[in-house]
Amino acid sequence: MGFHLRHFHATGLTHELSLLLSLLPSFSRLHSLNIYENPLRYDDQVMTTGIFPFIRSLALSRAILASYPALSAFLSRFPVLKTLTLDRISFDSQEDLL
């Protein structure tokens, strides 16, 4: 089964996002994936397995990206990636930066 979806944007989802992302291998023509304000973690099975060969544009929350200890390993899952966009992040104090 395949879908012809080209752009996928998810904001503020939690459990629903995991269900939708499990369908990513079916989105064979997906070119743009935007995930903001969603609590994805490095150990989330969907984002740590598989290669996404058609995604050229990826947008993530900085907080999500910070949870990935090996950025290059994560980005290698997107071999044709041309654009990586990060949303803004705010810190409550200087200690948050450390």
PDB file of N, CA and C in Angstrom:
ATOM      1  N   MET A   1       0.849  -1.173   0.000  1.00  0.00           N
ATOM      2  CA  MET A   1       0.000   0.000   0.000  1.00  0.00           C
ATOM      3  C   MET A   1       0.891   1.231   0.000  1.00  0.00           C
ATOM      4  N   GLY A   2       0.586   2.210  -0.811  1.00  0.00           N
ATOM      5  CA  GLY A   2       1.365   3.435  -0.861  1.00  0.00           C
ATOM      6  C   GLY A   2       0.459   4.644  -0.956  1.00  0.00           C
ATOM      7  N   PHE A   3       0.946   5.750  -0.418  1.00  0.00           N
ATOM      8  CA  PHE A   3       0.202   6.998  -0.472  1.00  0.00           C
ATOM      9  C   PHE A   3       1.011   7.994  -1.288  1.00  0.00           C
ATOM     10  N   HIS A   4       0.356   8.965  -1.884  1.00  0.00           N
ATOM     11  CA  HIS A   4       1.035   9.954  -2.705  1.00  0.00           C
ATOM     12  C   HIS A   4       1.182  11.285  -1.980  1.00  0.00           C
ATOM     13  N   LEU A   5       1.186  11.250  -0.658  1.00  0.00           N
ATOM     14  CA  LEU A   5       1.367  12.445   0.146  1.00  0.00           C
ATOM     15  C   LEU A   5       2.768  13.009  -0.069  1.00  0.00           C
ATOM     16  N   ARG A   6       2.879  14.323  -0.295  1.00  0.00           N
ATOM     17  CA  ARG A   6       4.182  14.952  -0.531  1.00  0.00           C
ATOM     18  C   ARG A   6       4.687  15.719   0.682  1.00  0.00           C
ATOM     19  N   HIS A   7       3.785  16.281   1.481  1.00  0.00           N
ATOM     20  CA  HIS A   7       4.175  17.089   2.635  1.00  0.00           C
ATOM     21  C   HIS A   7       3.428  16.594   3.866  1.00  0.00           C
ATOM     22  N   PHE A   8       4.144  16.469   4.975  1.00  0.00           N
ATOM     23  CA  PHE A   8       3.539  16.010   6.224  1.00  0.00           C
ATOM     24  C   PHE A   8       3.958  16.981   7.316  1.00  0.00           C
ATOM     25  N   HIS A   9       2.982  17.602   7.973  1.00  0.00           N
ATOM     26  CA  HIS A   9       3.257  18.580   9.020  1.00  0.00           C
ATOM     27  C   HIS A   9       2.518  18.153  10.278  1.00  0.00           C
ATOM     28  N   ALA A  10       3.242  18.023  11.379  1.00  0.00           N
ATOM     29  CA  ALA A  10       2.629  17.624  12.647  1.00  0.00           C
ATOM     30  C   ALA A  10       3.070  18.587  13.737  1.00  0.00           C
ATOM     31  N   THR A  11       2.106  19.135  14.469  1.00  0.00           N
ATOM     32  CA  THR A  11       2.408  20.064  15.556  1.00  0.00           C
ATOM     33  C   THR A  11       1.580  19.698  16.773  1.00  0.00           C
ATOM     34  N   GLY A  12       2.235  19.575  17.906  1.00  0.00           N
ATOM     35  CA  GLY A  12       1.538  19.387  19.161  1.00  0.00           C
ATOM     36  C   GLY A  12       0.875  18.036  19.350  1.00  0.00           C
ATOM     37  N   LEU A  13       1.214  17.071  18.540  1.00  0.00           N
ATOM     38  CA  LEU A  13       0.634  15.741  18.694  1.00  0.00           C
ATOM     39  C   LEU A  13       1.522  14.896  19.596  1.00  0.00           C
ATOM     40  N   THR A  14       0.957  13.916  20.235  1.00  0.00           N
ATOM     41  CA  THR A  14       1.769  13.017  21.057  1.00  0.00           C
ATOM     42  C   THR A  14       1.551  11.586  20.582  1.00  0.00           C
ATOM     43  N   HIS A  15       0.591  10.911  21.152  1.00  0.00           N
ATOM     44  CA  HIS A  15       0.316   9.520  20.790  1.00  0.00           C
ATOM     45  C   HIS A  15      -0.068   9.407  19.317  1.00  0.00           C
ATOM     46  N   GLU A  16      -0.860  10.357  18.838  1.00  0.00           N
ATOM     47  CA  GLU A  16      -1.307  10.321  17.448  1.00  0.00           C
ATOM     48  C   GLU A  16      -0.135  10.404  16.486  1.00  0.00           C
ATOM     49  N   LEU A  17       0.883  11.176  16.853  1.00  0.00           N
ATOM     50  CA  LEU A  17       2.044  11.306  15.981  1.00  0.00           C
ATOM     51  C   LEU A  17       2.750   9.976  15.805  1.00  0.00           C
ATOM     52  N   SER A  18       2.901   9.227  16.874  1.00  0.00           N
ATOM     53  CA  SER A  18       3.544   7.917  16.770  1.00  0.00           C
ATOM     54  C   SER A  18       2.775   7.004  15.827  1.00  0.00           C
ATOM     55  N   LEU A  19       1.464   7.073  15.883  1.00  0.00           N
ATOM     56  CA  LEU A  19       0.648   6.252  14.984  1.00  0.00           C
ATOM     57  C   LEU A  19       0.829   6.690  13.537  1.00  0.00           C
ATOM     58  N   LEU A  20       0.848   7.991  13.305  1.00  0.00           N
ATOM     59  CA  LEU A  20       1.019   8.490  11.940  1.00  0.00           C
ATOM     60  C   LEU A  20       2.410   8.197  11.401  1.00  0.00           C
ATOM     61  N   LEU A  21       3.434   8.365  12.234  1.00  0.00           N
ATOM     62  CA  LEU A  21       4.794   8.132  11.770  1.00  0.00           C
ATOM     63  C   LEU A  21       5.051   6.669  11.451  1.00  0.00           C
ATOM     64  N   SER A  22       4.286   5.787  12.069  1.00  0.00           N
ATOM     65  CA  SER A  22       4.460   4.370  11.752  1.00  0.00           C
ATOM     66  C   SER A  22       4.067   4.085  10.302  1.00  0.00           C
ATOM     67  N   LEU A  23       3.332   5.005   9.687  1.00  0.00           N
ATOM     68  CA  LEU A  23       2.938   4.860   8.283  1.00  0.00           C
ATOM     69  C   LEU A  23       3.973   5.437   7.319  1.00  0.00           C
ATOM     70  N   LEU A  24       5.029   6.070   7.826  1.00  0.00           N
ATOM     71  CA  LEU A  24       6.004   6.726   6.951  1.00  0.00           C
ATOM     72  C   LEU A  24       6.529   5.851   5.815  1.00  0.00           C
ATOM     73  N   PRO A  25       6.831   4.593   6.046  1.00  0.00           N
ATOM     74  CA  PRO A  25       7.308   3.784   4.917  1.00  0.00           C
ATOM     75  C   PRO A  25       6.303   3.693   3.767  1.00  0.00           C
ATOM     76  N   SER A  26       5.026   3.923   4.046  1.00  0.00           N
ATOM     77  CA  SER A  26       4.004   3.892   2.994  1.00  0.00           C
ATOM     78  C   SER A  26       3.966   5.181   2.186  1.00  0.00           C
ATOM     79  N   PHE A  27       4.551   6.256   2.736  1.00  0.00           N
ATOM     80  CA  PHE A  27       4.556   7.537   2.037  1.00  0.00           C
ATOM     81  C   PHE A  27       5.766   7.593   1.117  1.00  0.00           C
ATOM     82  N   SER A  28       5.727   6.842   0.049  1.00  0.00           N
ATOM     83  CA  SER A  28       6.897   6.692  -0.814  1.00  0.00           C
ATOM     84  C   SER A  28       7.269   7.976  -1.552  1.00  0.00           C
ATOM     85  N   ARG A  29       6.355   8.920  -1.637  1.00  0.00           N
ATOM     86  CA  ARG A  29       6.643  10.161  -2.352  1.00  0.00           C
ATOM     87  C   ARG A  29       6.758  11.363  -1.415  1.00  0.00           C
ATOM     88  N   LEU A  30       6.844  11.112  -0.120  1.00  0.00           N
ATOM     89  CA  LEU A  30       6.933  12.188   0.860  1.00  0.00           C
ATOM     90  C   LEU A  30       8.251  12.944   0.697  1.00  0.00           C
ATOM     91  N   HIS A  31       8.161  14.247   0.479  1.00  0.00           N
ATOM     92  CA  HIS A  31       9.352  15.073   0.270  1.00  0.00           C
ATOM     93  C   HIS A  31       9.645  15.988   1.445  1.00  0.00           C
ATOM     94  N   SER A  32       8.628  16.301   2.233  1.00  0.00           N
ATOM     95  CA  SER A  32       8.790  17.263   3.314  1.00  0.00           C
ATOM     96  C   SER A  32       8.164  16.715   4.587  1.00  0.00           C
ATOM     97  N   LEU A  33       8.945  16.665   5.658  1.00  0.00           N
ATOM     98  CA  LEU A  33       8.459  16.181   6.953  1.00  0.00           C
ATOM     99  C   LEU A  33       8.720  17.259   7.990  1.00  0.00           C
ATOM    100  N   ASN A  34       7.664  17.769   8.617  1.00  0.00           N
ATOM    101  CA  ASN A  34       7.774  18.818   9.629  1.00  0.00           C
ATOM    102  C   ASN A  34       7.208  18.305  10.946  1.00  0.00           C
ATOM    103  N   ILE A  35       8.032  18.280  11.972  1.00  0.00           N
ATOM    104  CA  ILE A  35       7.605  17.797  13.284  1.00  0.00           C
ATOM    105  C   ILE A  35       7.990  18.849  14.317  1.00  0.00           C
ATOM    106  N   TYR A  36       7.000  19.587  14.815  1.00  0.00           N
ATOM    107  CA  TYR A  36       7.249  20.627  15.808  1.00  0.00           C
ATOM    108  C   TYR A  36       6.476  20.336  17.088  1.00  0.00           C
ATOM    109  N   GLU A  37       7.086  20.697  18.202  1.00  0.00           N
ATOM    110  CA  GLU A  37       6.435  20.606  19.512  1.00  0.00           C
ATOM    111  C   GLU A  37       5.887  19.210  19.779  1.00  0.00           C
ATOM    112  N   ASN A  38       6.636  18.223  19.388  1.00  0.00           N
ATOM    113  CA  ASN A  38       6.235  16.840  19.625  1.00  0.00           C
ATOM    114  C   ASN A  38       7.345  16.129  20.385  1.00  0.00           C
ATOM    115  N   PRO A  39       6.996  15.338  21.383  1.00  0.00           N
ATOM    116  CA  PRO A  39       7.997  14.725  22.249  1.00  0.00           C
ATOM    117  C   PRO A  39       8.615  13.453  21.676  1.00  0.00           C
ATOM    118  N   LEU A  40       9.212  13.552  20.498  1.00  0.00           N
ATOM    119  CA  LEU A  40       9.928  12.396  19.969  1.00  0.00           C
ATOM    120  C   LEU A  40      11.241  12.250  20.713  1.00  0.00           C
ATOM    121  N   ARG A  41      11.643  11.042  20.987  1.00  0.00           N
ATOM    122  CA  ARG A  41      12.891  10.786  21.698  1.00  0.00           C
ATOM    123  C   ARG A  41      13.775   9.919  20.821  1.00  0.00           C
ATOM    124  N   TYR A  42      15.044   9.879  21.182  1.00  0.00           N
ATOM    125  CA  TYR A  42      16.003   9.098  20.403  1.00  0.00           C
ATOM    126  C   TYR A  42      15.595   7.634  20.313  1.00  0.00           C
ATOM    127  N   ASP A  43      14.965   7.117  21.359  1.00  0.00           N
ATOM    128  CA  ASP A  43      14.616   5.697  21.364  1.00  0.00           C
ATOM    129  C   ASP A  43      13.266   5.410  20.714  1.00  0.00           C
ATOM    130  N   ASP A  44      12.613   6.427  20.164  1.00  0.00           N
ATOM    131  CA  ASP A  44      11.352   6.176  19.471  1.00  0.00           C
ATOM    132  C   ASP A  44      11.618   5.288  18.264  1.00  0.00           C
ATOM    133  N   GLN A  45      10.960   4.171  18.220  1.00  0.00           N
ATOM    134  CA  GLN A  45      11.224   3.149  17.207  1.00  0.00           C
ATOM    135  C   GLN A  45      11.067   3.676  15.788  1.00  0.00           C
ATOM    136  N   VAL A  46      10.090   4.519  15.561  1.00  0.00           N
ATOM    137  CA  VAL A  46       9.823   4.996  14.203  1.00  0.00           C
ATOM    138  C   VAL A  46      10.996   5.790  13.649  1.00  0.00           C
ATOM    139  N   MET A  47      11.586   6.651  14.464  1.00  0.00           N
ATOM    140  CA  MET A  47      12.642   7.524  13.976  1.00  0.00           C
ATOM    141  C   MET A  47      14.023   6.889  14.052  1.00  0.00           C
ATOM    142  N   THR A  48      14.137   5.716  14.631  1.00  0.00           N
ATOM    143  CA  THR A  48      15.457   5.086  14.723  1.00  0.00           C
ATOM    144  C   THR A  48      15.578   3.862  13.835  1.00  0.00           C
ATOM    145  N   THR A  49      14.546   3.551  13.088  1.00  0.00           N
ATOM    146  CA  THR A  49      14.625   2.432  12.155  1.00  0.00           C
ATOM    147  C   THR A  49      14.209   2.901  10.777  1.00  0.00           C
ATOM    148  N   GLY A  50      14.862   2.403   9.804  1.00  0.00           N
ATOM    149  CA  GLY A  50      14.477   2.708   8.435  1.00  0.00           C
ATOM    150  C   GLY A  50      15.221   3.883   7.841  1.00  0.00           C
ATOM    151  N   ILE A  51      15.209   3.911   6.530  1.00  0.00           N
ATOM    152  CA  ILE A  51      15.783   4.987   5.743  1.00  0.00           C
ATOM    153  C   ILE A  51      14.620   5.681   5.041  1.00  0.00           C
ATOM    154  N   PHE A  52      14.691   6.991   4.953  1.00  0.00           N
ATOM    155  CA  PHE A  52      13.635   7.762   4.315  1.00  0.00           C
ATOM    156  C   PHE A  52      14.213   8.374   3.042  1.00  0.00           C
ATOM    157  N   PRO A  53      14.203   7.627   1.921  1.00  0.00           N
ATOM    158  CA  PRO A  53      14.967   7.997   0.729  1.00  0.00           C
ATOM    159  C   PRO A  53      14.418   9.167  -0.078  1.00  0.00           C
ATOM    160  N   PHE A  54      13.201   9.616   0.188  1.00  0.00           N
ATOM    161  CA  PHE A  54      12.626  10.678  -0.632  1.00  0.00           C
ATOM    162  C   PHE A  54      12.503  12.005   0.101  1.00  0.00           C
ATOM    163  N   ILE A  55      12.735  12.022   1.403  1.00  0.00           N
ATOM    164  CA  ILE A  55      12.529  13.250   2.173  1.00  0.00           C
ATOM    165  C   ILE A  55      13.673  14.221   1.915  1.00  0.00           C
ATOM    166  N   ARG A  56      13.335  15.359   1.303  1.00  0.00           N
ATOM    167  CA  ARG A  56      14.336  16.377   0.967  1.00  0.00           C
ATOM    168  C   ARG A  56      14.346  17.523   1.958  1.00  0.00           C
ATOM    169  N   SER A  57      13.251  17.679   2.704  1.00  0.00           N
ATOM    170  CA  SER A  57      13.130  18.787   3.644  1.00  0.00           C
ATOM    171  C   SER A  57      12.657  18.244   4.986  1.00  0.00           C
ATOM    172  N   LEU A  58      13.390  18.557   6.037  1.00  0.00           N
ATOM    173  CA  LEU A  58      13.068  18.057   7.373  1.00  0.00           C
ATOM    174  C   LEU A  58      13.064  19.226   8.338  1.00  0.00           C
ATOM    175  N   ALA A  59      11.997  19.363   9.112  1.00  0.00           N
ATOM    176  CA  ALA A  59      11.899  20.419  10.115  1.00  0.00           C
ATOM    177  C   ALA A  59      11.613  19.772  11.460  1.00  0.00           C
ATOM    178  N   LEU A  60      12.390  20.139  12.453  1.00  0.00           N
ATOM    179  CA  LEU A  60      12.253  19.553  13.784  1.00  0.00           C
ATOM    180  C   LEU A  60      12.303  20.632  14.850  1.00  0.00           C
ATOM    181  N   SER A  61      11.782  20.300  16.023  1.00  0.00           N
ATOM    182  CA  SER A  61      11.988  21.145  17.185  1.00  0.00           C
ATOM    183  C   SER A  61      13.417  20.946  17.662  1.00  0.00           C
ATOM    184  N   ARG A  62      14.058  22.021  18.094  1.00  0.00           N
ATOM    185  CA  ARG A  62      15.425  21.887  18.608  1.00  0.00           C
ATOM    186  C   ARG A  62      15.469  20.959  19.807  1.00  0.00           C
ATOM    187  N   ALA A  63      14.419  20.972  20.609  1.00  0.00           N
ATOM    188  CA  ALA A  63      14.383  20.092  21.773  1.00  0.00           C
ATOM    189  C   ALA A  63      14.385  18.630  21.349  1.00  0.00           C
ATOM    190  N   ILE A  64      13.731  18.319  20.249  1.00  0.00           N
ATOM    191  CA  ILE A  64      13.728  16.957  19.726  1.00  0.00           C
ATOM    192  C   ILE A  64      15.120  16.589  19.252  1.00  0.00           C
ATOM    193  N   LEU A  65      15.708  17.477  18.474  1.00  0.00           N
ATOM    194  CA  LEU A  65      17.016  17.195  17.913  1.00  0.00           C
ATOM    195  C   LEU A  65      18.063  17.026  19.003  1.00  0.00           C
ATOM    196  N   ALA A  66      17.941  17.784  20.081  1.00  0.00           N
ATOM    197  CA  ALA A  66      18.899  17.691  21.177  1.00  0.00           C
ATOM    198  C   ALA A  66      18.852  16.327  21.852  1.00  0.00           C
ATOM    199  N   SER A  67      17.744  15.613  21.701  1.00  0.00           N
ATOM    200  CA  SER A  67      17.635  14.302  22.337  1.00  0.00           C
ATOM    201  C   SER A  67      18.313  13.209  21.525  1.00  0.00           C
ATOM    202  N   TYR A  68      18.794  13.542  20.335  1.00  0.00           N
ATOM    203  CA  TYR A  68      19.493  12.572  19.498  1.00  0.00           C
ATOM    204  C   TYR A  68      20.992  12.701  19.737  1.00  0.00           C
ATOM    205  N   PRO A  69      21.614  11.708  20.372  1.00  0.00           N
ATOM    206  CA  PRO A  69      23.037  11.829  20.703  1.00  0.00           C
ATOM    207  C   PRO A  69      23.957  11.779  19.492  1.00  0.00           C
ATOM    208  N   ALA A  70      23.540  11.164  18.426  1.00  0.00           N
ATOM    209  CA  ALA A  70      24.400  11.050  17.242  1.00  0.00           C
ATOM    210  C   ALA A  70      23.687  11.696  16.056  1.00  0.00           C
ATOM    211  N   LEU A  71      23.902  12.992  15.899  1.00  0.00           N
ATOM    212  CA  LEU A  71      23.204  13.734  14.854  1.00  0.00           C
ATOM    213  C   LEU A  71      23.511  13.193  13.466  1.00  0.00           C
ATOM    214  N   SER A  72      24.755  12.889  13.197  1.00  0.00           N
ATOM    215  CA  SER A  72      25.098  12.412  11.856  1.00  0.00           C
ATOM    216  C   SER A  72      24.441  11.065  11.558  1.00  0.00           C
ATOM    217  N   ALA A  73      24.344  10.205  12.564  1.00  0.00           N
ATOM    218  CA  ALA A  73      23.678   8.915  12.358  1.00  0.00           C
ATOM    219  C   ALA A  73      22.192   9.120  12.070  1.00  0.00           C
ATOM    220  N   PHE A  74      21.582  10.058  12.782  1.00  0.00           N
ATOM    221  CA  PHE A  74      20.171  10.347  12.563  1.00  0.00           C
ATOM    222  C   PHE A  74      19.947  10.912  11.160  1.00  0.00           C
ATOM    223  N   LEU A  75      20.757  11.890  10.773  1.00  0.00           N
ATOM    224  CA  LEU A  75      20.584  12.522   9.461  1.00  0.00           C
ATOM    225  C   LEU A  75      20.922  11.582   8.315  1.00  0.00           C
ATOM    226  N   SER A  76      21.716  10.564   8.571  1.00  0.00           N
ATOM    227  CA  SER A  76      22.041   9.606   7.512  1.00  0.00           C
ATOM    228  C   SER A  76      20.816   8.801   7.082  1.00  0.00           C
ATOM    229  N   ARG A  77      19.752   8.847   7.863  1.00  0.00           N
ATOM    230  CA  ARG A  77      18.507   8.169   7.489  1.00  0.00           C
ATOM    231  C   ARG A  77      17.776   8.912   6.369  1.00  0.00           C
ATOM    232  N   PHE A  78      18.258  10.121   6.051  1.00  0.00           N
ATOM    233  CA  PHE A  78      17.638  10.963   5.028  1.00  0.00           C
ATOM    234  C   PHE A  78      18.687  11.264   3.958  1.00  0.00           C
ATOM    235  N   PRO A  79      18.983  10.317   3.065  1.00  0.00           N
ATOM    236  CA  PRO A  79      20.105  10.454   2.133  1.00  0.00           C
ATOM    237  C   PRO A  79      19.973  11.569   1.100  1.00  0.00           C
ATOM    238  N   VAL A  80      18.770  12.039   0.807  1.00  0.00           N
ATOM    239  CA  VAL A  80      18.619  13.119  -0.175  1.00  0.00           C
ATOM    240  C   VAL A  80      18.222  14.434   0.493  1.00  0.00           C
ATOM    241  N   LEU A  81      18.410  14.525   1.803  1.00  0.00           N
ATOM    242  CA  LEU A  81      18.031  15.718   2.552  1.00  0.00           C
ATOM    243  C   LEU A  81      18.788  16.946   2.046  1.00  0.00           C
ATOM    244  N   LYS A  82      18.038  17.987   1.716  1.00  0.00           N
ATOM    245  CA  LYS A  82      18.624  19.241   1.236  1.00  0.00           C
ATOM    246  C   LYS A  82      18.445  20.372   2.237  1.00  0.00           C
ATOM    247  N   THR A  83      17.350  20.311   3.021  1.00  0.00           N
ATOM    248  CA  THR A  83      17.032  21.398   3.937  1.00  0.00           C
ATOM    249  C   THR A  83      16.679  20.845   5.311  1.00  0.00           C
ATOM    250  N   LEU A  84      17.360  21.354   6.333  1.00  0.00           N
ATOM    251  CA  LEU A  84      17.054  21.009   7.722  1.00  0.00           C
ATOM    252  C   LEU A  84      16.686  22.299   8.431  1.00  0.00           C
ATOM    253  N   THR A  85      15.476  22.364   8.967  1.00  0.00           N
ATOM    254  CA  THR A  85      14.986  23.560   9.640  1.00  0.00           C
ATOM    255  C   THR A  85      14.712  23.233  11.095  1.00  0.00           C
ATOM    256  N   LEU A  86      15.160  24.112  11.978  1.00  0.00           N
ATOM    257  CA  LEU A  86      14.909  23.951  13.406  1.00  0.00           C
ATOM    258  C   LEU A  86      14.075  25.126  13.889  1.00  0.00           C
ATOM    259  N   ASP A  87      13.073  24.848  14.725  1.00  0.00           N
ATOM    260  CA  ASP A  87      12.283  25.938  15.276  1.00  0.00           C
ATOM    261  C   ASP A  87      13.067  26.612  16.395  1.00  0.00           C
ATOM    262  N   ARG A  88      12.568  27.740  16.830  1.00  0.00           N
ATOM    263  CA  ARG A  88      13.245  28.461  17.902  1.00  0.00           C
ATOM    264  C   ARG A  88      13.010  27.764  19.230  1.00  0.00           C
ATOM    265  N   ILE A  89      13.976  27.914  20.114  1.00  0.00           N
ATOM    266  CA  ILE A  89      13.856  27.336  21.440  1.00  0.00           C
ATOM    267  C   ILE A  89      14.163  28.432  22.443  1.00  0.00           C
ATOM    268  N   SER A  90      13.449  28.444  23.549  1.00  0.00           N
ATOM    269  CA  SER A  90      13.702  29.458  24.567  1.00  0.00           C
ATOM    270  C   SER A  90      14.218  28.781  25.825  1.00  0.00           C
ATOM    271  N   PHE A  91      15.036  29.502  26.555  1.00  0.00           N
ATOM    272  CA  PHE A  91      15.605  28.988  27.784  1.00  0.00           C
ATOM    273  C   PHE A  91      15.114  29.840  28.943  1.00  0.00           C
ATOM    274  N   ASP A  92      14.816  29.178  30.064  1.00  0.00           N
ATOM    275  CA  ASP A  92      14.363  29.906  31.243  1.00  0.00           C
ATOM    276  C   ASP A  92      15.516  30.572  31.977  1.00  0.00           C
ATOM    277  N   SER A  93      16.697  29.991  31.900  1.00  0.00           N
ATOM    278  CA  SER A  93      17.840  30.535  32.625  1.00  0.00           C
ATOM    279  C   SER A  93      19.129  30.148  31.924  1.00  0.00           C
ATOM    280  N   GLN A  94      20.217  30.754  32.354  1.00  0.00           N
ATOM    281  CA  GLN A  94      21.526  30.442  31.796  1.00  0.00           C
ATOM    282  C   GLN A  94      21.884  28.983  32.061  1.00  0.00           C
ATOM    283  N   GLU A  95      21.413  28.418  33.165  1.00  0.00           N
ATOM    284  CA  GLU A  95      21.714  27.029  33.509  1.00  0.00           C
ATOM    285  C   GLU A  95      21.157  26.061  32.477  1.00  0.00           C
ATOM    286  N   ASP A  96      20.055  26.441  31.819  1.00  0.00           N
ATOM    287  CA  ASP A  96      19.465  25.573  30.801  1.00  0.00           C
ATOM    288  C   ASP A  96      20.387  25.384  29.609  1.00  0.00           C
ATOM    289  N   LEU A  97      21.279  26.338  29.403  1.00  0.00           N
ATOM    290  CA  LEU A  97      22.192  26.260  28.273  1.00  0.00           C
ATOM    291  C   LEU A  97      23.322  25.278  28.508  1.00  0.00           C
ATOM    292  N   LEU A  98      23.589  24.941  29.758  1.00  0.00           N
ATOM    293  CA  LEU A  98      24.726  24.069  30.093  1.00  0.00           C
ATOM    294  C   LEU A  98      24.365  22.616  30.061  1.00  0.00           C
TER     295      LEU A  98
END
